[in-house]
Amino acid sequence: MNFQQLRSVREAVRRGFNLTEVANALHTSQPGVSRQIRELEDELGVELFQRVGKRLTGMTPPGQQLLPVIERLLREAENLRQAARDCSSHDVGPLSLAATHSQARYALPGAVKDFRQLYPQVTLSLHQGSPRQVAQMLINGEADIGIATEALDQYEQLVTLPCYSWTHCVVVPPDHPLLDGEPLTLARLARYPMVTYEGGFTGRSHIDEAFAKEGIKPSIVLSAMDADVIKTYVELGMGVGVVASIAFDADRDRNLRAIDAGHLFAVNMTRLAFRRGAFLRGYAYGFIETFAPPLTREVVEQAVNLANEASA
């Protein structure tokens, strides 16, 4: 039994049993992948995959039972490598971050800059995606730390910690009627076409819930993942925008004005997550604390222990 065999099984499941994609992911040949899987099955004495000819079509019941063990062995092997690297070179190595567009654009830059000054020999990589894509990157081991507002706390494979709360604001052109000084209400807002986030992004669910509770159906003419896109279309006169408050900068957004909407929509919580059971190198704890100062190493380790006790 060897780790390449285990990786071949794991990737076959991740890649939808497409051996061509598995071979590409593992930098080997398709016959090589098939051989690795067959050799492991022969050693274990059970078939892990269902087949039609030479094509994999799914997992057998024994395969489904053994897959979590295979994944755990591969995680522990990676943890062993990470621990060894941490012993030999505390502040040197890679750190992979996954975040939504809004977090990558508005929340992360300051923390990344400060972290680089503290750990100049750490190589950072940043992946962007939807909240569910961020979660999947963590689960698959493609990222070490993930940051998003939605979805992360819905996965038992992740340890999730609250970072900071935020509210929405309404952005409009300088001469818009909503700037008349009258209180902003959902009814007033709904009189105008609206540009805001796509479903599942940046507190969109709280926006929908607020209007639904009042029995008001807003006219959403455009939805997007990124606040900069939303603001661009507001500047073009397509409608009023509803964005995260951190996405508005008076100096940068000189052609727009912001109106606080914290009283209209529920407060949102941005969370940080990492894969349960993953070994975090020392500088990973450093990044977490740089991004969210209350999340010291002690606090994070306590959260890990509580998560482990809850799953025991």
Protein backbone atom coordinates (compact mmCIF):
# COMPACT_ATOMS: atom_id res chain seq x y z
CA MET A 1 0.00 0.00 0.00
CA ASN A 2 1.31 3.47 -0.84
CA PHE A 3 0.10 7.05 -0.82
CA GLN A 4 -0.14 7.27 -4.60
CA GLN A 5 -2.73 4.51 -4.52
CA LEU A 6 -4.69 6.37 -1.87
CA ARG A 7 -4.46 9.63 -3.83
CA SER A 8 -5.72 7.87 -6.96
CA VAL A 9 -8.83 6.70 -5.10
CA ARG A 10 -9.48 10.11 -3.55
CA GLU A 11 -9.04 11.98 -6.83
CA ALA A 12 -11.24 9.49 -8.69
CA VAL A 13 -14.09 10.41 -6.36
CA ARG A 14 -13.35 14.14 -6.52
CA ARG A 15 -13.15 14.12 -10.34
CA GLY A 16 -16.43 12.30 -10.84
CA PHE A 17 -14.68 9.01 -11.75
CA ASN A 18 -13.11 10.59 -14.84
CA LEU A 19 -9.71 8.91 -15.01
CA THR A 20 -8.38 11.37 -17.58
CA GLU A 21 -8.94 14.23 -15.12
CA VAL A 22 -7.51 12.13 -12.29
CA ALA A 23 -4.35 11.47 -14.31
CA ASN A 24 -3.97 15.19 -15.06
CA ALA A 25 -4.43 16.11 -11.41
CA LEU A 26 -1.82 13.57 -10.28
CA HIS A 27 0.57 14.27 -13.18
CA THR A 28 0.55 10.68 -14.36
CA SER A 29 -1.07 8.53 -17.05
CA GLN A 30 -4.59 7.10 -17.13
CA PRO A 31 -3.29 3.50 -17.23
CA GLY A 32 -1.11 4.38 -14.26
CA VAL A 33 -4.13 5.55 -12.26
CA SER A 34 -6.07 2.39 -13.14
CA ARG A 35 -3.13 0.25 -12.08
CA GLN A 36 -2.74 2.05 -8.75
CA ILE A 37 -6.43 1.57 -7.95
CA ARG A 38 -6.40 -2.09 -8.97
CA GLU A 39 -3.28 -2.81 -6.89
CA LEU A 40 -4.90 -1.26 -3.82
CA GLU A 41 -8.10 -3.22 -4.37
CA ASP A 42 -6.08 -6.43 -4.72
CA GLU A 43 -4.23 -5.73 -1.48
CA LEU A 44 -7.39 -4.87 0.43
CA GLY A 45 -9.31 -7.77 -1.05
CA VAL A 46 -12.37 -5.67 -1.99
CA GLU A 47 -13.45 -3.68 -5.02
CA LEU A 48 -13.72 0.03 -4.23
CA PHE A 49 -15.33 1.10 -7.51
CA GLN A 50 -18.19 -0.02 -9.71
CA ARG A 51 -17.16 -0.46 -13.34
CA VAL A 52 -18.61 -0.73 -16.81
CA GLY A 53 -15.78 -2.21 -18.82
CA LYS A 54 -12.69 -0.19 -17.88
CA ARG A 55 -14.74 2.88 -16.92
CA LEU A 56 -15.41 3.76 -13.29
CA THR A 57 -19.08 4.58 -12.66
CA GLY A 58 -19.34 4.88 -8.87
CA MET A 59 -18.24 3.49 -5.54
CA THR A 60 -19.15 0.09 -4.16
CA PRO A 61 -20.56 -0.12 -0.59
CA PRO A 62 -17.10 -1.21 0.71
CA GLY A 63 -15.57 1.71 -1.18
CA GLN A 64 -17.96 4.15 0.45
CA GLN A 65 -17.10 2.68 3.85
CA LEU A 66 -13.35 2.88 3.30
CA LEU A 67 -13.19 6.31 1.63
CA PRO A 68 -13.25 8.28 4.93
CA VAL A 69 -10.33 6.17 6.17
CA ILE A 70 -8.38 6.87 2.98
CA GLU A 71 -9.06 10.59 3.27
CA ARG A 72 -8.03 10.58 6.93
CA LEU A 73 -4.73 8.81 6.13
CA LEU A 74 -3.93 11.39 3.44
CA ARG A 75 -4.80 14.27 5.78
CA GLU A 76 -2.57 12.90 8.51
CA ALA A 77 0.28 12.40 6.03
CA GLU A 78 -0.04 16.05 5.02
CA ASN A 79 -0.22 17.07 8.69
CA LEU A 80 3.01 15.17 9.31
CA ARG A 81 4.73 17.03 6.48
CA GLN A 82 3.41 20.37 7.72
CA ALA A 83 4.54 19.67 11.28
CA ALA A 84 8.02 18.72 10.07
CA ARG A 85 8.24 21.92 8.02
CA ASP A 86 7.14 23.95 11.03
CA CYS A 87 9.93 22.40 13.11
CA SER A 88 12.62 23.02 10.53
CA SER A 89 11.57 26.48 9.29
CA HIS A 90 9.02 28.33 11.39
CA ASP A 91 8.44 31.33 9.13
CA VAL A 92 9.06 29.94 5.65
CA GLY A 93 6.53 28.23 3.42
CA PRO A 94 3.25 28.60 1.53
CA LEU A 95 -0.12 29.78 2.84
CA SER A 96 -3.19 29.40 0.67
CA LEU A 97 -6.22 31.63 1.28
CA ALA A 98 -9.71 31.27 -0.18
CA ALA A 99 -12.19 34.13 0.00
CA THR A 100 -15.25 35.59 -1.66
CA HIS A 101 -14.79 38.53 -4.03
CA SER A 102 -15.92 41.07 -1.44
CA GLN A 103 -13.58 39.75 1.26
CA ALA A 104 -10.64 39.57 -1.16
CA ARG A 105 -11.25 43.11 -2.41
CA TYR A 106 -12.16 44.99 0.74
CA ALA A 107 -11.38 43.04 3.93
CA LEU A 108 -8.15 41.19 3.14
CA PRO A 109 -5.75 43.78 1.65
CA GLY A 110 -4.85 45.44 4.94
CA ALA A 111 -4.32 42.12 6.70
CA VAL A 112 -2.26 40.74 3.83
CA LYS A 113 -0.03 43.81 3.84
CA ASP A 114 0.54 43.60 7.61
CA PHE A 115 1.12 39.85 7.45
CA ARG A 116 3.74 40.24 4.70
CA GLN A 117 5.68 42.62 6.93
CA LEU A 118 5.60 40.11 9.80
CA TYR A 119 6.31 37.02 7.66
CA PRO A 120 8.20 38.14 4.55
CA GLN A 121 9.29 34.61 3.65
CA VAL A 122 5.77 33.16 3.51
CA THR A 123 4.39 32.78 -0.01
CA LEU A 124 0.71 33.71 -0.16
CA SER A 125 -1.77 32.48 -2.75
CA LEU A 126 -5.32 33.80 -2.95
CA HIS A 127 -8.24 31.92 -4.48
CA GLN A 128 -11.63 33.54 -5.03
CA GLY A 129 -15.04 31.95 -5.31
CA SER A 130 -18.54 31.71 -3.94
CA PRO A 131 -18.95 30.87 -0.23
CA ARG A 132 -19.66 27.23 -1.11
CA GLN A 133 -16.64 27.11 -3.39
CA VAL A 134 -14.51 28.51 -0.57
CA ALA A 135 -15.80 25.77 1.73
CA GLN A 136 -15.07 23.09 -0.85
CA MET A 137 -11.53 24.37 -1.39
CA LEU A 138 -10.92 23.99 2.34
CA ILE A 139 -12.43 20.51 2.46
CA ASN A 140 -10.39 19.40 -0.55
CA GLY A 141 -7.17 20.76 0.94
CA GLU A 142 -6.75 23.34 -1.83
CA ALA A 143 -6.74 26.18 0.71
CA ASP A 144 -5.55 26.48 4.30
CA ILE A 145 -7.82 29.31 5.48
CA GLY A 146 -11.16 30.46 4.08
CA ILE A 147 -13.05 33.70 4.64
CA ALA A 148 -16.69 34.33 3.75
CA THR A 149 -19.95 35.56 5.22
CA GLU A 150 -22.25 32.76 4.08
CA ALA A 151 -22.13 28.96 4.14
CA LEU A 152 -18.91 28.22 6.05
CA ASP A 153 -20.70 27.35 9.30
CA GLN A 154 -22.86 24.79 7.47
CA TYR A 155 -20.05 22.25 6.98
CA GLU A 156 -19.18 19.83 9.78
CA GLN A 157 -15.78 19.22 8.12
CA LEU A 158 -14.76 22.80 8.99
CA VAL A 159 -13.85 24.66 12.16
CA THR A 160 -15.47 28.08 11.83
CA LEU A 161 -14.79 31.23 13.85
CA PRO A 162 -16.56 34.62 13.79
CA CYS A 163 -14.37 37.53 12.67
CA TYR A 164 -16.37 40.75 12.40
CA SER A 165 -19.91 41.96 11.86
CA TRP A 166 -20.99 44.42 9.20
CA THR A 167 -24.08 46.05 7.68
CA HIS A 168 -25.24 47.19 4.26
CA CYS A 169 -25.48 50.66 2.80
CA VAL A 170 -27.37 52.09 -0.17
CA VAL A 171 -25.30 53.81 -2.86
CA VAL A 172 -26.82 56.38 -5.22
CA PRO A 173 -25.71 59.16 -7.59
CA PRO A 174 -25.15 62.60 -5.95
CA ASP A 175 -28.48 64.03 -7.12
CA HIS A 176 -30.70 61.09 -6.16
CA PRO A 177 -34.05 61.75 -4.40
CA LEU A 178 -33.14 59.39 -1.55
CA LEU A 179 -30.60 62.02 -0.42
CA ASP A 180 -33.38 64.43 0.57
CA GLY A 181 -32.79 63.89 4.29
CA GLU A 182 -35.94 61.88 4.90
CA PRO A 183 -35.53 58.56 6.75
CA LEU A 184 -34.63 55.63 4.53
CA THR A 185 -37.27 52.91 4.57
CA LEU A 186 -37.77 49.70 2.62
CA ALA A 187 -40.87 51.21 1.01
CA ARG A 188 -38.92 54.24 -0.22
CA LEU A 189 -36.07 52.05 -1.43
CA ALA A 190 -38.44 49.78 -3.34
CA ARG A 191 -39.66 52.71 -5.48
CA TYR A 192 -36.44 52.53 -7.47
CA PRO A 193 -34.80 49.78 -9.54
CA MET A 194 -32.20 48.00 -7.43
CA VAL A 195 -28.73 46.63 -8.15
CA THR A 196 -27.29 44.28 -5.53
CA TYR A 197 -25.54 40.97 -4.85
CA GLU A 198 -26.35 37.59 -6.31
CA GLY A 199 -28.12 35.09 -4.10
CA GLY A 200 -25.74 33.44 -1.66
CA PHE A 201 -23.30 36.38 -1.66
CA THR A 202 -22.52 39.14 0.82
CA GLY A 203 -25.69 39.11 2.89
CA ARG A 204 -28.15 38.89 0.00
CA SER A 205 -30.35 36.55 2.07
CA HIS A 206 -30.81 39.29 4.71
CA ILE A 207 -31.85 41.75 2.00
CA ASP A 208 -34.44 39.34 0.64
CA GLU A 209 -35.71 38.48 4.11
CA ALA A 210 -36.21 42.13 5.06
CA PHE A 211 -38.36 42.89 2.02
CA ALA A 212 -40.30 39.63 2.34
CA LYS A 213 -41.10 40.37 5.98
CA GLU A 214 -42.67 43.68 4.94
CA GLY A 215 -44.50 42.11 2.02
CA ILE A 216 -42.58 44.25 -0.47
CA LYS A 217 -41.19 42.93 -3.73
CA PRO A 218 -38.27 45.09 -4.91
CA SER A 219 -37.39 45.47 -8.57
CA ILE A 220 -33.91 43.98 -8.78
CA VAL A 221 -32.70 44.80 -12.29
CA LEU A 222 -29.17 43.45 -11.92
CA SER A 223 -27.33 41.21 -9.48
CA ALA A 224 -23.58 40.64 -9.32
CA MET A 225 -20.96 38.99 -7.11
CA ASP A 226 -18.75 42.05 -6.76
CA ALA A 227 -19.53 45.43 -5.20
CA ASP A 228 -17.37 47.28 -7.74
CA VAL A 229 -19.59 45.92 -10.52
CA ILE A 230 -22.70 46.99 -8.63
CA LYS A 231 -21.35 50.50 -8.12
CA THR A 232 -20.41 50.78 -11.79
CA TYR A 233 -23.99 50.13 -12.87
CA VAL A 234 -25.34 52.52 -10.26
CA GLU A 235 -23.09 55.21 -11.77
CA LEU A 236 -24.60 54.38 -15.17
CA GLY A 237 -28.06 55.12 -13.79
CA MET A 238 -29.46 51.59 -13.77
CA GLY A 239 -30.75 51.88 -10.21
CA VAL A 240 -29.83 52.25 -6.57
CA GLY A 241 -27.22 49.87 -5.16
CA VAL A 242 -27.22 47.87 -1.95
CA VAL A 243 -23.68 46.87 -0.98
CA ALA A 244 -21.64 46.02 2.08
CA SER A 245 -20.69 49.16 3.96
CA ILE A 246 -16.99 48.26 3.78
CA ALA A 247 -17.28 48.36 -0.03
CA PHE A 248 -17.89 52.13 -0.09
CA ASP A 249 -14.98 54.55 0.09
CA ALA A 250 -15.84 58.24 -0.15
CA ASP A 251 -12.51 59.13 -1.75
CA ARG A 252 -12.56 56.34 -4.31
CA ASP A 253 -16.31 56.45 -5.02
CA ARG A 254 -16.53 60.18 -5.65
CA ASN A 255 -19.40 59.81 -8.12
CA LEU A 256 -21.60 58.12 -5.54
CA ARG A 257 -23.09 58.82 -2.14
CA ALA A 258 -23.76 56.26 0.61
CA ILE A 259 -26.79 56.05 2.89
CA ASP A 260 -26.58 53.84 5.97
CA ALA A 261 -28.98 50.89 5.75
CA GLY A 262 -27.96 49.10 8.93
CA HIS A 263 -31.46 49.62 10.33
CA LEU A 264 -33.13 47.98 7.33
CA PHE A 265 -31.27 44.69 7.03
CA ALA A 266 -29.96 42.19 9.60
CA VAL A 267 -26.35 42.41 10.70
CA ASN A 268 -24.00 40.05 8.84
CA MET A 269 -21.11 38.05 10.29
CA THR A 270 -17.95 37.31 8.34
CA ARG A 271 -16.36 34.02 9.36
CA LEU A 272 -12.97 32.39 9.01
CA ALA A 273 -12.64 28.62 8.62
CA PHE A 274 -10.13 25.83 8.15
CA ARG A 275 -10.47 22.10 7.69
CA ARG A 276 -11.14 20.11 10.85
CA GLY A 277 -8.07 18.02 11.69
CA ALA A 278 -5.70 20.09 9.55
CA PHE A 279 -2.33 21.04 11.02
CA LEU A 280 -1.93 24.82 11.05
CA ARG A 281 1.62 26.07 10.85
CA GLY A 282 2.70 28.82 13.22
CA TYR A 283 2.44 31.55 10.60
CA ALA A 284 -1.12 30.43 9.78
CA TYR A 285 -2.08 31.34 13.34
CA GLY A 286 -0.22 34.60 12.76
CA PHE A 287 -2.34 35.37 9.72
CA ILE A 288 -5.58 34.57 11.55
CA GLU A 289 -4.69 36.98 14.35
CA THR A 290 -3.59 39.64 11.87
CA PHE A 291 -6.94 39.43 10.08
CA ALA A 292 -9.04 39.19 13.27
CA PRO A 293 -7.01 40.27 16.35
CA PRO A 294 -9.39 38.65 18.89
CA LEU A 295 -8.62 35.25 17.29
CA THR A 296 -5.34 34.58 19.06
CA ARG A 297 -3.67 31.19 18.82
CA GLU A 298 -5.09 30.27 22.21
CA VAL A 299 -8.63 31.14 21.12
CA VAL A 300 -8.27 29.19 17.88
CA GLU A 301 -6.86 26.13 19.64
CA GLN A 302 -9.74 26.24 22.14
CA ALA A 303 -12.20 26.29 19.24
CA VAL A 304 -10.44 23.29 17.69
CA ASN A 305 -10.66 21.36 20.97
CA LEU A 306 -14.36 22.17 21.34
CA ALA A 307 -15.03 21.09 17.77
CA ASN A 308 -13.18 17.82 18.35
CA GLU A 309 -15.14 17.15 21.55
CA ALA A 310 -18.43 17.86 19.78
CA SER A 311 -17.62 15.36 17.02
CA ALA A 312 -16.28 12.67 19.36
